[in-house]
C-alpha atoms as a PDB file:
ATOM      1  CA  LEU A   1     -11.556  33.169  14.802  1.00  0.00           C
ATOM      2  CA  HIS A   2     -12.221  33.032  18.523  1.00  0.00           C
ATOM      3  CA  GLY A   3     -15.943  31.445  19.470  1.00  0.00           C
ATOM      4  CA  SER A   4     -17.554  29.251  17.215  1.00  0.00           C
ATOM      5  CA  PRO A   5     -17.822  29.846  13.191  1.00  0.00           C
ATOM      6  CA  PRO A   6     -21.004  30.631  11.571  1.00  0.00           C
ATOM      7  CA  LEU A   7     -21.959  27.123   9.700  1.00  0.00           C
ATOM      8  CA  TRP A   8     -22.791  29.111   6.509  1.00  0.00           C
ATOM      9  CA  GLY A   9     -19.146  30.609   6.374  1.00  0.00           C
ATOM     10  CA  LEU A  10     -17.855  27.034   6.682  1.00  0.00           C
ATOM     11  CA  LEU A  11     -19.971  25.761   4.196  1.00  0.00           C
ATOM     12  CA  ALA A  12     -19.187  28.714   1.821  1.00  0.00           C
ATOM     13  CA  VAL A  13     -15.345  28.141   2.062  1.00  0.00           C
ATOM     14  CA  ALA A  14     -15.775  24.338   1.602  1.00  0.00           C
ATOM     15  CA  ALA A  15     -18.181  24.975  -1.578  1.00  0.00           C
ATOM     16  CA  LEU A  16     -15.180  27.562  -2.854  1.00  0.00           C
ATOM     17  CA  PHE A  17     -12.708  24.808  -2.211  1.00  0.00           C
ATOM     18  CA  GLY A  18     -14.644  21.933  -3.866  1.00  0.00           C
ATOM     19  CA  ALA A  19     -15.094  24.391  -6.861  1.00  0.00           C
ATOM     20  CA  ALA A  20     -11.279  24.820  -6.989  1.00  0.00           C
ATOM     21  CA  ARG A  21     -10.387  21.257  -6.801  1.00  0.00           C
ATOM     22  CA  ALA A  22     -12.621  20.768  -9.563  1.00  0.00           C
ATOM     23  CA  PHE A  23     -10.771  22.892 -11.797  1.00  0.00           C
ATOM     24  CA  LEU A  24      -7.329  21.905 -10.594  1.00  0.00           C
ATOM     25  CA  ALA A  25      -7.549  18.112 -11.047  1.00  0.00           C
ATOM     26  CA  PRO A  26      -8.249  18.004 -14.652  1.00  0.00           C
ATOM     27  CA  ALA A  27      -6.072  21.147 -15.364  1.00  0.00           C
ATOM     28  CA  SER A  28      -3.083  19.456 -13.799  1.00  0.00           C
ATOM     29  CA  GLN A  29      -3.696  16.074 -15.749  1.00  0.00           C
ATOM     30  CA  SER A  30      -4.081  17.700 -19.151  1.00  0.00           C
ATOM     31  CA  PHE A  31      -0.997  19.880 -18.284  1.00  0.00           C
ATOM     32  CA  LEU A  32       1.396  17.207 -17.717  1.00  0.00           C
ATOM     33  CA  PRO A  33       1.852  15.604 -21.028  1.00  0.00           C
ATOM     34  CA  MET A  34       2.122  18.712 -22.449  1.00  0.00           C
ATOM     35  CA  VAL A  35       5.379  19.521 -20.112  1.00  0.00           C
ATOM     36  CA  VAL A  36       7.130  15.928 -20.386  1.00  0.00           C
ATOM     37  CA  GLY A  37       5.796  14.654 -23.704  1.00  0.00           C
ATOM     38  CA  ARG A  38       4.204  11.559 -24.331  1.00  0.00           C
ATOM     39  CA  ARG A  39       7.265   9.326 -24.346  1.00  0.00           C
ATOM     40  CA  ALA A  40       8.028  10.042 -20.810  1.00  0.00           C
ATOM     41  CA  LEU A  41       4.307   9.976 -19.666  1.00  0.00           C
ATOM     42  CA  PRO A  42       4.398   6.709 -17.772  1.00  0.00           C
ATOM     43  CA  PRO A  43       7.402   7.780 -15.309  1.00  0.00           C
ATOM     44  CA  ALA A  44       5.848  11.160 -15.030  1.00  0.00           C
ATOM     45  CA  ILE A  45       2.619   9.842 -13.671  1.00  0.00           C
ATOM     46  CA  ALA A  46       4.411   7.697 -11.164  1.00  0.00           C
ATOM     47  CA  ALA A  47       6.212  10.661 -10.072  1.00  0.00           C
ATOM     48  CA  GLN A  48       3.094  12.580  -9.814  1.00  0.00           C
ATOM     49  CA  SER A  49       1.603   9.841  -7.680  1.00  0.00           C
ATOM     50  CA  ILE A  50       4.565   9.344  -5.572  1.00  0.00           C
ATOM     51  CA  ALA A  51       4.083  13.290  -4.454  1.00  0.00           C
ATOM     52  CA  PHE A  52       0.715  12.621  -3.905  1.00  0.00           C
ATOM     53  CA  GLN A  53       0.937   9.620  -1.834  1.00  0.00           C
ATOM     54  CA  THR A  54       3.899  11.271   0.037  1.00  0.00           C
ATOM     55  CA  GLY A  55       1.539  13.990   1.140  1.00  0.00           C
ATOM     56  CA  ALA A  56      -1.222  11.669   1.892  1.00  0.00           C
ATOM     57  CA  ILE A  57       0.868   9.648   4.661  1.00  0.00           C
ATOM     58  CA  ALA A  58       3.301  12.284   5.826  1.00  0.00           C
ATOM     59  CA  GLY A  59       0.500  15.407   5.762  1.00  0.00           C
ATOM     60  CA  PRO A  60      -1.952  13.822   8.528  1.00  0.00           C
ATOM     61  CA  ALA A  61       0.963  12.911  10.729  1.00  0.00           C
ATOM     62  CA  LEU A  62       2.714  16.346  10.224  1.00  0.00           C
ATOM     63  CA  GLY A  63      -0.396  18.115  10.715  1.00  0.00           C
ATOM     64  CA  GLY A  64      -1.190  16.387  13.926  1.00  0.00           C
ATOM     65  CA  VAL A  65       2.257  17.623  15.343  1.00  0.00           C
ATOM     66  CA  ILE A  66       1.906  21.090  14.205  1.00  0.00           C
ATOM     67  CA  VAL A  67      -1.677  21.268  15.688  1.00  0.00           C
ATOM     68  CA  GLY A  68      -0.494  20.053  19.078  1.00  0.00           C
ATOM     69  CA  ILE A  69       1.885  23.072  18.898  1.00  0.00           C
ATOM     70  CA  ASN A  70      -0.637  25.621  17.601  1.00  0.00           C
ATOM     71  CA  VAL A  71      -3.748  25.501  15.464  1.00  0.00           C
ATOM     72  CA  PRO A  72      -3.353  28.479  13.860  1.00  0.00           C
ATOM     73  CA  LEU A  73       0.170  27.474  12.757  1.00  0.00           C
ATOM     74  CA  ALA A  74      -1.155  24.628  10.931  1.00  0.00           C
ATOM     75  CA  TYR A  75      -3.228  26.684   8.786  1.00  0.00           C
ATOM     76  CA  ALA A  76      -0.369  29.175   8.226  1.00  0.00           C
ATOM     77  CA  ALA A  77       2.116  26.116   7.434  1.00  0.00           C
ATOM     78  CA  ALA A  78      -0.722  25.047   4.904  1.00  0.00           C
ATOM     79  CA  MET A  79      -0.872  28.564   3.218  1.00  0.00           C
ATOM     80  CA  GLY A  80       3.055  28.339   3.180  1.00  0.00           C
ATOM     81  CA  LEU A  81       3.008  25.240   1.122  1.00  0.00           C
ATOM     82  CA  PHE A  82       0.452  26.603  -1.288  1.00  0.00           C
ATOM     83  CA  LEU A  83       2.364  29.461  -1.972  1.00  0.00           C
ATOM     84  CA  LEU A  84       5.523  27.393  -2.522  1.00  0.00           C
ATOM     85  CA  GLY A  85       3.891  25.271  -5.043  1.00  0.00           C
ATOM     86  CA  ILE A  86       2.671  28.327  -6.749  1.00  0.00           C
ATOM     87  CA  GLY A  87       6.165  29.492  -7.041  1.00  0.00           C
ATOM     88  CA  CYS A  88       7.358  26.073  -8.303  1.00  0.00           C
ATOM     89  CA  PHE A  89       4.756  26.188 -10.773  1.00  0.00           C
ATOM     90  CA  LEU A  90       5.679  29.703 -12.043  1.00  0.00           C
ATOM     91  CA  LEU A  91       9.088  28.344 -12.582  1.00  0.00           C
ATOM     92  CA  ILE A  92       8.152  25.673 -15.273  1.00  0.00           C
ATOM     93  CA  ARG A  93       9.222  27.261 -18.709  1.00  0.00           C
ATOM     94  CA  THR A  94       6.704  24.879 -20.897  1.00  0.00           C
ATOM     95  CA  SER A  95       3.895  26.700 -22.105  1.00  0.00           C
ATOM     96  CA  GLY A  96       1.847  23.477 -21.696  1.00  0.00           C
ATOM     97  CA  LYS A  97      -0.795  24.753 -24.454  1.00  0.00           C
ATOM     98  CA  PRO A  98      -1.795  22.179 -26.992  1.00  0.00           C
ATOM     99  CA  ARG A  99      -1.788  23.315 -30.618  1.00  0.00           C
ATOM    100  CA  PRO A 100      -5.216  25.265 -30.952  1.00  0.00           C
ATOM    101  CA  VAL A 101      -7.721  23.647 -33.022  1.00  0.00           C
ATOM    102  CA  GLU A 102     -10.500  25.924 -34.551  1.00  0.00           C
ATOM    103  CA  THR A 103     -13.889  24.373 -34.077  1.00  0.00           C
ATOM    104  CA  GLY A 104     -16.267  27.087 -33.789  1.00  0.00           C
ATOM    105  CA  LEU A 105     -18.220  25.457 -31.191  1.00  0.00           C
ATOM    106  CA  THR A 106     -20.113  27.076 -28.157  1.00  0.00           C
ATOM    107  CA  PRO A 107     -18.757  26.229 -24.639  1.00  0.00           C
ATOM    108  CA  LEU A 108     -21.741  23.859 -24.346  1.00  0.00           C
ATOM    109  CA  GLU A 109     -21.123  22.054 -27.540  1.00  0.00           C
ATOM    110  CA  SER A 110     -17.667  21.684 -26.536  1.00  0.00           C
ATOM    111  CA  VAL A 111     -18.560  19.938 -23.435  1.00  0.00           C
ATOM    112  CA  ARG A 112     -21.049  17.703 -25.342  1.00  0.00           C
ATOM    113  CA  GLU A 113     -18.305  16.909 -27.868  1.00  0.00           C
ATOM    114  CA  GLY A 114     -15.975  15.585 -25.047  1.00  0.00           C
ATOM    115  CA  LEU A 115     -18.406  13.552 -23.690  1.00  0.00           C
ATOM    116  CA  ALA A 116     -19.017  11.849 -26.920  1.00  0.00           C
ATOM    117  CA  TYR A 117     -15.573  11.306 -27.382  1.00  0.00           C
ATOM    118  CA  VAL A 118     -15.276   9.585 -24.246  1.00  0.00           C
ATOM    119  CA  TRP A 119     -18.494   7.477 -24.973  1.00  0.00           C
ATOM    120  CA  LYS A 120     -17.053   6.586 -28.605  1.00  0.00           C
ATOM    121  CA  THR A 121     -13.506   5.767 -27.384  1.00  0.00           C
ATOM    122  CA  LYS A 122     -14.007   2.492 -25.793  1.00  0.00           C
ATOM    123  CA  ILE A 123     -10.475   2.334 -24.308  1.00  0.00           C
ATOM    124  CA  VAL A 124     -11.204   5.539 -22.416  1.00  0.00           C
ATOM    125  CA  LEU A 125     -14.517   4.905 -21.534  1.00  0.00           C
ATOM    126  CA  GLY A 126     -13.751   1.143 -20.177  1.00  0.00           C
ATOM    127  CA  ALA A 127     -10.882   2.551 -18.048  1.00  0.00           C
ATOM    128  CA  ILE A 128     -12.891   5.463 -16.608  1.00  0.00           C
ATOM    129  CA  SER A 129     -15.878   3.399 -15.873  1.00  0.00           C
ATOM    130  CA  LEU A 130     -14.160   0.256 -14.361  1.00  0.00           C
ATOM    131  CA  ASP A 131     -12.313   2.349 -11.972  1.00  0.00           C
ATOM    132  CA  LEU A 132     -16.061   3.913 -10.737  1.00  0.00           C
ATOM    133  CA  ILE A 133     -17.106   0.552 -10.161  1.00  0.00           C
ATOM    134  CA  VAL A 134     -14.294  -1.053  -8.419  1.00  0.00           C
ATOM    135  CA  VAL A 135     -13.675   1.976  -5.887  1.00  0.00           C
ATOM    136  CA  LEU A 136     -17.494   2.447  -5.402  1.00  0.00           C
ATOM    137  CA  LEU A 137     -17.749  -1.476  -4.409  1.00  0.00           C
ATOM    138  CA  ALA A 138     -14.217  -2.302  -2.805  1.00  0.00           C
ATOM    139  CA  GLY A 139     -13.377   0.915  -0.936  1.00  0.00           C
ATOM    140  CA  VAL A 140     -12.304  -0.467   2.325  1.00  0.00           C
ATOM    141  CA  ALA A 141     -10.660   2.869   3.604  1.00  0.00           C
ATOM    142  CA  LEU A 142     -14.040   3.796   5.491  1.00  0.00           C
ATOM    143  CA  LEU A 143     -14.043   0.472   7.210  1.00  0.00           C
ATOM    144  CA  THR A 144     -10.926   0.518   8.483  1.00  0.00           C
ATOM    145  CA  PRO A 145     -11.895   2.194  12.012  1.00  0.00           C
ATOM    146  CA  ILE A 146     -14.657  -0.298  12.422  1.00  0.00           C
ATOM    147  CA  PHE A 147     -12.315  -3.390  11.676  1.00  0.00           C
ATOM    148  CA  ALA A 148      -9.542  -1.762  13.980  1.00  0.00           C
ATOM    149  CA  ARG A 149     -12.238  -1.508  16.845  1.00  0.00           C
ATOM    150  CA  ASP A 150     -14.744  -4.355  16.468  1.00  0.00           C
ATOM    151  CA  ILE A 151     -13.109  -6.874  14.462  1.00  0.00           C
ATOM    152  CA  LEU A 152      -9.229  -6.953  15.075  1.00  0.00           C
ATOM    153  CA  HIS A 153      -9.412  -5.443  18.639  1.00  0.00           C
ATOM    154  CA  VAL A 154      -6.168  -2.837  17.928  1.00  0.00           C
ATOM    155  CA  GLY A 155      -5.728   0.411  19.822  1.00  0.00           C
ATOM    156  CA  PRO A 156      -4.976   3.624  18.125  1.00  0.00           C
ATOM    157  CA  GLU A 157      -1.364   2.574  16.993  1.00  0.00           C
ATOM    158  CA  GLY A 158      -3.045  -0.651  15.202  1.00  0.00           C
ATOM    159  CA  PHE A 159      -5.312   1.603  13.748  1.00  0.00           C
ATOM    160  CA  GLY A 160      -2.646   4.044  12.381  1.00  0.00           C
ATOM    161  CA  LEU A 161      -0.731   0.916  11.136  1.00  0.00           C
ATOM    162  CA  LEU A 162      -3.941  -0.274   8.979  1.00  0.00           C
ATOM    163  CA  ARG A 163      -4.618   3.255   7.489  1.00  0.00           C
ATOM    164  CA  ALA A 164      -0.971   3.971   6.688  1.00  0.00           C
ATOM    165  CA  SER A 165      -0.746   0.322   4.965  1.00  0.00           C
ATOM    166  CA  PHE A 166      -2.322   1.184   2.089  1.00  0.00           C
ATOM    167  CA  GLY A 167      -0.655   4.204   1.286  1.00  0.00           C
ATOM    168  CA  VAL A 168       2.661   3.033   2.043  1.00  0.00           C
ATOM    169  CA  GLY A 169       1.978   0.160  -0.481  1.00  0.00           C
ATOM    170  CA  ALA A 170       0.956   2.773  -3.004  1.00  0.00           C
ATOM    171  CA  LEU A 171       4.011   5.078  -2.558  1.00  0.00           C
ATOM    172  CA  GLY A 172       6.282   1.975  -2.594  1.00  0.00           C
ATOM    173  CA  MET A 173       4.895   0.922  -6.184  1.00  0.00           C
ATOM    174  CA  ALA A 174       4.891   4.566  -7.597  1.00  0.00           C
ATOM    175  CA  ILE A 175       8.633   4.915  -6.734  1.00  0.00           C
ATOM    176  CA  TYR A 176       9.210   1.473  -8.417  1.00  0.00           C
ATOM    177  CA  LEU A 177       7.133   2.519 -11.544  1.00  0.00           C
ATOM    178  CA  SER A 178       8.727   5.732 -11.515  1.00  0.00           C
ATOM    179  CA  ARG A 179      12.186   3.943 -12.199  1.00  0.00           C
ATOM    180  CA  PHE A 180      10.575   0.868 -14.004  1.00  0.00           C
ATOM    181  CA  PRO A 181       7.476   1.893 -15.733  1.00  0.00           C
ATOM    182  CA  ILE A 182       5.400  -0.825 -17.595  1.00  0.00           C
ATOM    183  CA  VAL A 183       5.581  -0.187 -21.214  1.00  0.00           C
ATOM    184  CA  ARG A 184       4.001  -3.659 -22.663  1.00  0.00           C
ATOM    185  CA  HIS A 185       0.823  -5.524 -22.162  1.00  0.00           C
ATOM    186  CA  GLY A 186      -0.601  -2.362 -20.318  1.00  0.00           C
ATOM    187  CA  GLY A 187      -4.398  -3.735 -20.682  1.00  0.00           C
ATOM    188  CA  ARG A 188      -3.556  -7.019 -19.025  1.00  0.00           C
ATOM    189  CA  TRP A 189      -1.688  -5.489 -16.308  1.00  0.00           C
ATOM    190  CA  MET A 190      -4.429  -3.256 -15.385  1.00  0.00           C
ATOM    191  CA  PHE A 191      -7.069  -5.943 -15.086  1.00  0.00           C
ATOM    192  CA  ALA A 192      -4.514  -8.302 -13.204  1.00  0.00           C
ATOM    193  CA  ALA A 193      -3.869  -5.127 -11.001  1.00  0.00           C
ATOM    194  CA  VAL A 194      -7.727  -4.813 -10.353  1.00  0.00           C
ATOM    195  CA  ALA A 195      -8.138  -8.582  -9.552  1.00  0.00           C
ATOM    196  CA  VAL A 196      -5.340  -8.393  -7.129  1.00  0.00           C
ATOM    197  CA  PHE A 197      -7.091  -5.497  -5.239  1.00  0.00           C
ATOM    198  CA  GLY A 198     -10.374  -7.106  -5.153  1.00  0.00           C
ATOM    199  CA  VAL A 199      -8.824 -10.290  -3.796  1.00  0.00           C
ATOM    200  CA  CYS A 200      -7.137  -8.077  -1.227  1.00  0.00           C
ATOM    201  CA  THR A 201     -10.526  -6.375  -0.332  1.00  0.00           C
ATOM    202  CA  LEU A 202     -11.922  -9.846   0.118  1.00  0.00           C
ATOM    203  CA  THR A 203      -9.344 -10.998   2.460  1.00  0.00           C
ATOM    204  CA  PHE A 204      -9.215  -8.083   4.126  1.00  0.00           C
ATOM    205  CA  GLY A 205     -12.929  -8.558   5.131  1.00  0.00           C
ATOM    206  CA  LEU A 206     -12.250 -12.227   6.307  1.00  0.00           C
ATOM    207  CA  SER A 207      -9.192 -11.700   8.013  1.00  0.00           C
ATOM    208  CA  LYS A 208      -9.116 -12.132  12.160  1.00  0.00           C
ATOM    209  CA  ALA A 209      -5.320 -11.100  12.116  1.00  0.00           C
ATOM    210  CA  TRP A 210      -4.109  -7.290  12.223  1.00  0.00           C
ATOM    211  CA  TRP A 211      -0.821  -8.268  10.611  1.00  0.00           C
ATOM    212  CA  LEU A 212      -2.574 -10.108   7.849  1.00  0.00           C
ATOM    213  CA  SER A 213      -4.999  -7.090   7.538  1.00  0.00           C
ATOM    214  CA  ALA A 214      -2.156  -4.576   7.145  1.00  0.00           C
ATOM    215  CA  LEU A 215      -0.291  -6.961   4.640  1.00  0.00           C
ATOM    216  CA  VAL A 216      -3.125  -7.264   2.445  1.00  0.00           C
ATOM    217  CA  LEU A 217      -3.925  -3.351   2.568  1.00  0.00           C
ATOM    218  CA  LEU A 218      -0.430  -3.156   1.718  1.00  0.00           C
ATOM    219  CA  VAL A 219      -0.425  -5.292  -1.384  1.00  0.00           C
ATOM    220  CA  GLY A 220      -3.710  -3.772  -2.584  1.00  0.00           C
ATOM    221  CA  GLY A 221      -2.526  -0.266  -2.555  1.00  0.00           C
ATOM    222  CA  ALA A 222       0.366  -1.287  -4.594  1.00  0.00           C
ATOM    223  CA  ALA A 223      -2.116  -2.966  -6.936  1.00  0.00           C
ATOM    224  CA  ASP A 224      -4.274  -0.005  -7.032  1.00  0.00           C
ATOM    225  CA  MET A 225      -1.190   2.180  -7.806  1.00  0.00           C
ATOM    226  CA  ILE A 226      -0.356  -0.191 -10.735  1.00  0.00           C
ATOM    227  CA  SER A 227      -4.151   0.148 -12.070  1.00  0.00           C
ATOM    228  CA  VAL A 228      -3.873   4.164 -11.492  1.00  0.00           C
ATOM    229  CA  ASN A 229      -0.615   4.392 -13.527  1.00  0.00           C
ATOM    230  CA  ILE A 230      -1.759   2.347 -16.322  1.00  0.00           C
ATOM    231  CA  ARG A 231      -5.427   3.822 -16.573  1.00  0.00           C
ATOM    232  CA  GLN A 232      -4.268   7.721 -16.759  1.00  0.00           C
ATOM    233  CA  THR A 233      -1.362   6.696 -19.137  1.00  0.00           C
ATOM    234  CA  LEU A 234      -3.918   4.803 -21.316  1.00  0.00           C
ATOM    235  CA  ILE A 235      -6.411   7.825 -21.262  1.00  0.00           C
ATOM    236  CA  GLN A 236      -3.829  10.443 -21.653  1.00  0.00           C
ATOM    237  CA  LEU A 237      -2.214   8.520 -24.818  1.00  0.00           C
ATOM    238  CA  ALA A 238      -5.573   7.904 -26.700  1.00  0.00           C
ATOM    239  CA  THR A 239      -6.705  11.639 -26.068  1.00  0.00           C
ATOM    240  CA  PRO A 240      -5.819  14.366 -28.526  1.00  0.00           C
ATOM    241  CA  ASP A 241      -4.080  17.379 -26.896  1.00  0.00           C
ATOM    242  CA  HIS A 242      -6.937  19.535 -27.649  1.00  0.00           C
ATOM    243  CA  MET A 243      -9.624  17.006 -25.972  1.00  0.00           C
ATOM    244  CA  ARG A 244      -7.244  16.519 -23.016  1.00  0.00           C
ATOM    245  CA  GLY A 245      -8.875  18.834 -20.997  1.00  0.00           C
ATOM    246  CA  ARG A 246     -12.560  18.018 -21.271  1.00  0.00           C
ATOM    247  CA  VAL A 247     -11.691  14.452 -21.233  1.00  0.00           C
ATOM    248  CA  SER A 248      -9.615  14.556 -18.048  1.00  0.00           C
ATOM    249  CA  SER A 249     -12.627  16.456 -16.554  1.00  0.00           C
ATOM    250  CA  VAL A 250     -14.991  13.505 -17.282  1.00  0.00           C
ATOM    251  CA  SER A 251     -12.246  11.185 -15.680  1.00  0.00           C
ATOM    252  CA  MET A 252     -12.249  13.247 -12.545  1.00  0.00           C
ATOM    253  CA  LEU A 253     -15.952  13.409 -12.431  1.00  0.00           C
ATOM    254  CA  PHE A 254     -16.314   9.732 -12.508  1.00  0.00           C
ATOM    255  CA  ILE A 255     -13.175   9.156  -9.545  1.00  0.00           C
ATOM    256  CA  GLY A 256     -14.639  12.111  -7.594  1.00  0.00           C
ATOM    257  CA  ALA A 257     -18.150  10.239  -7.904  1.00  0.00           C
ATOM    258  CA  SER A 258     -16.719   6.857  -6.904  1.00  0.00           C
ATOM    259  CA  ASN A 259     -14.801   8.194  -3.859  1.00  0.00           C
ATOM    260  CA  GLU A 260     -17.925   9.982  -2.368  1.00  0.00           C
ATOM    261  CA  LEU A 261     -20.781   7.409  -3.377  1.00  0.00           C
ATOM    262  CA  GLY A 262     -18.166   4.760  -2.200  1.00  0.00           C
ATOM    263  CA  GLU A 263     -18.338   6.052   1.019  1.00  0.00           C
ATOM    264  CA  ALA A 264     -22.082   6.334   1.093  1.00  0.00           C
ATOM    265  CA  TYR A 265     -22.328   2.929  -0.088  1.00  0.00           C
ATOM    266  CA  SER A 266     -20.006   1.563   2.090  1.00  0.00           C
ATOM    267  CA  GLY A 267     -22.160   3.294   5.213  1.00  0.00           C
ATOM    268  CA  VAL A 268     -25.277   1.624   3.863  1.00  0.00           C
ATOM    269  CA  ALA A 269     -23.718  -1.779   3.054  1.00  0.00           C
ATOM    270  CA  VAL A 270     -22.338  -1.823   6.548  1.00  0.00           C
ATOM    271  CA  ARG A 271     -25.873  -1.138   8.007  1.00  0.00           C
ATOM    272  CA  PHE A 272     -27.424  -3.835   6.243  1.00  0.00           C
ATOM    273  CA  LEU A 273     -24.408  -6.518   5.762  1.00  0.00           C
ATOM    274  CA  GLY A 274     -22.081  -5.585   8.628  1.00  0.00           C
ATOM    275  CA  PRO A 275     -18.349  -4.703   8.217  1.00  0.00           C
ATOM    276  CA  VAL A 276     -17.519  -8.292   7.314  1.00  0.00           C
ATOM    277  CA  GLY A 277     -20.113  -8.553   4.705  1.00  0.00           C
ATOM    278  CA  ALA A 278     -19.407  -5.182   3.135  1.00  0.00           C
ATOM    279  CA  ALA A 279     -15.993  -5.927   2.386  1.00  0.00           C
ATOM    280  CA  VAL A 280     -16.296  -9.501   1.189  1.00  0.00           C
ATOM    281  CA  PHE A 281     -19.287  -8.362  -0.915  1.00  0.00           C
ATOM    282  CA  GLY A 282     -16.969  -5.546  -2.257  1.00  0.00           C
ATOM    283  CA  GLY A 283     -14.230  -8.019  -2.875  1.00  0.00           C
ATOM    284  CA  PHE A 284     -16.339 -10.139  -4.898  1.00  0.00           C
ATOM    285  CA  GLY A 285     -17.875  -7.235  -6.735  1.00  0.00           C
ATOM    286  CA  ALA A 286     -14.535  -5.993  -7.785  1.00  0.00           C
ATOM    287  CA  LEU A 287     -13.777  -9.508  -9.157  1.00  0.00           C
ATOM    288  CA  ALA A 288     -16.877  -9.781 -10.975  1.00  0.00           C
ATOM    289  CA  ALA A 289     -16.548  -6.142 -12.494  1.00  0.00           C
ATOM    290  CA  THR A 290     -13.216  -7.137 -13.805  1.00  0.00           C
ATOM    291  CA  GLY A 291     -14.267 -10.166 -15.674  1.00  0.00           C
ATOM    292  CA  ILE A 292     -17.237  -8.130 -17.054  1.00  0.00           C
ATOM    293  CA  TRP A 293     -15.286  -5.388 -18.173  1.00  0.00           C
ATOM    294  CA  ALA A 294     -12.469  -7.674 -19.637  1.00  0.00           C
ATOM    295  CA  LYS A 295     -15.422  -9.184 -21.767  1.00  0.00           C
ATOM    296  CA  LEU A 296     -17.239  -5.947 -22.509  1.00  0.00           C
ATOM    297  CA  PHE A 297     -14.238  -3.945 -23.585  1.00  0.00           C
ATOM    298  CA  PRO A 298     -11.558  -6.345 -25.559  1.00  0.00           C
ATOM    299  CA  GLY A 299      -9.833  -3.256 -26.857  1.00  0.00           C
ATOM    300  CA  LEU A 300      -8.798  -2.184 -23.219  1.00  0.00           C
ATOM    301  CA  ARG A 301      -7.547  -5.851 -22.473  1.00  0.00           C
ATOM    302  CA  ARG A 302      -5.729  -5.904 -25.579  1.00  0.00           C
ATOM    303  CA  ALA A 303      -3.875  -2.400 -24.980  1.00  0.00           C
ATOM    304  CA  ASP A 304      -0.281  -2.871 -25.259  1.00  0.00           C
ATOM    305  CA  ARG A 305       2.435  -0.343 -25.322  1.00  0.00           C
ATOM    306  CA  LEU A 306       2.387   2.453 -23.009  1.00  0.00           C
ATOM    307  CA  ASP A 307       5.446   4.337 -24.175  1.00  0.00           C
END
C-alpha cells in the first residue's frame, strides 16, 4: 500500500499469522510419524530440521537481495513459495490419519486429557520442560548484536558471521543425523548435548575474540540440534497416535513460550547484569538445569532406543 498502513491492520495480520502458526506446528509434527512410520522417524525429523535451518539461514539473505531489487517482489516470492509448499503437500498420498478412537469426550475434556497425559508421562514432561528452562535461560541469539557492537567490536560483516554460525552448526548436524541417526542411549545423548549447549553459552559470554565466539556458537548450534532431534523423537515415540496432536500442541506451546519469554528475559537480564553477566548466568543456569532434570526424571535419562 502507498503511504503508512494503519497500525490496526498490521496487528490484525500479525494476529492471524500467529494463530495460523499455532495450528501449523503441532499439525505438521503429528503428521510426520503417520507418513514415514516410527522406524524412520529419527532421520525424518533430521530431514525436517535440515529444511527449517536451510530456510532460516538462506531466507534472510535471499530476502535482503530481493528487497534491494523490489519490495513487493519479496512478498510475491514469499507467496509463490507458500503455493509451492501447498502443491507439494497435496502430492502426499499417505492419509496421515491415526486410527479413530471413540472416547465420547467434549473438546474441552479432550484438551484436559492431553494435558493430563503429558503430566503423567514423565519422559514427555521432562523433555518438554527441560527445553523450556534451557532456552529461557541460555538463549543468546538476542544478545548477538550487543556482543558484536560492544564486546567484540566487529562490524556488520562480523555480526552476520556470528548470527549465521549457530544456524550453520545446527544445519550441519541435521545433515549428519539424517544419514547417521542416534538410535541408542538417547537420554544420555540429549543431556550431554544440553550440557554442551550450556558450556557454549558460558564461553560465548566470556569470550573477547570474535573467532572463538563464532566457534562456540557453531558448536552450540550443533549441540542444540542433537537435543532437538532426540527430544522430538522421544516425544513422538512415547505418544499414542490418537494423542499426538494434543501432545504436540502442548510441546509447541512450551517451545513458543520459551522463545518469547527467553527474549523478554534476556532484555531484563542485560538491564541488570549486563550482556556478559546475562550470558554467563544463562550458561550456568543451563548446566544447573541439566543436572536437576537428570535427577528429577531418571526415566528420561535412561531412555535408550530411538528406532
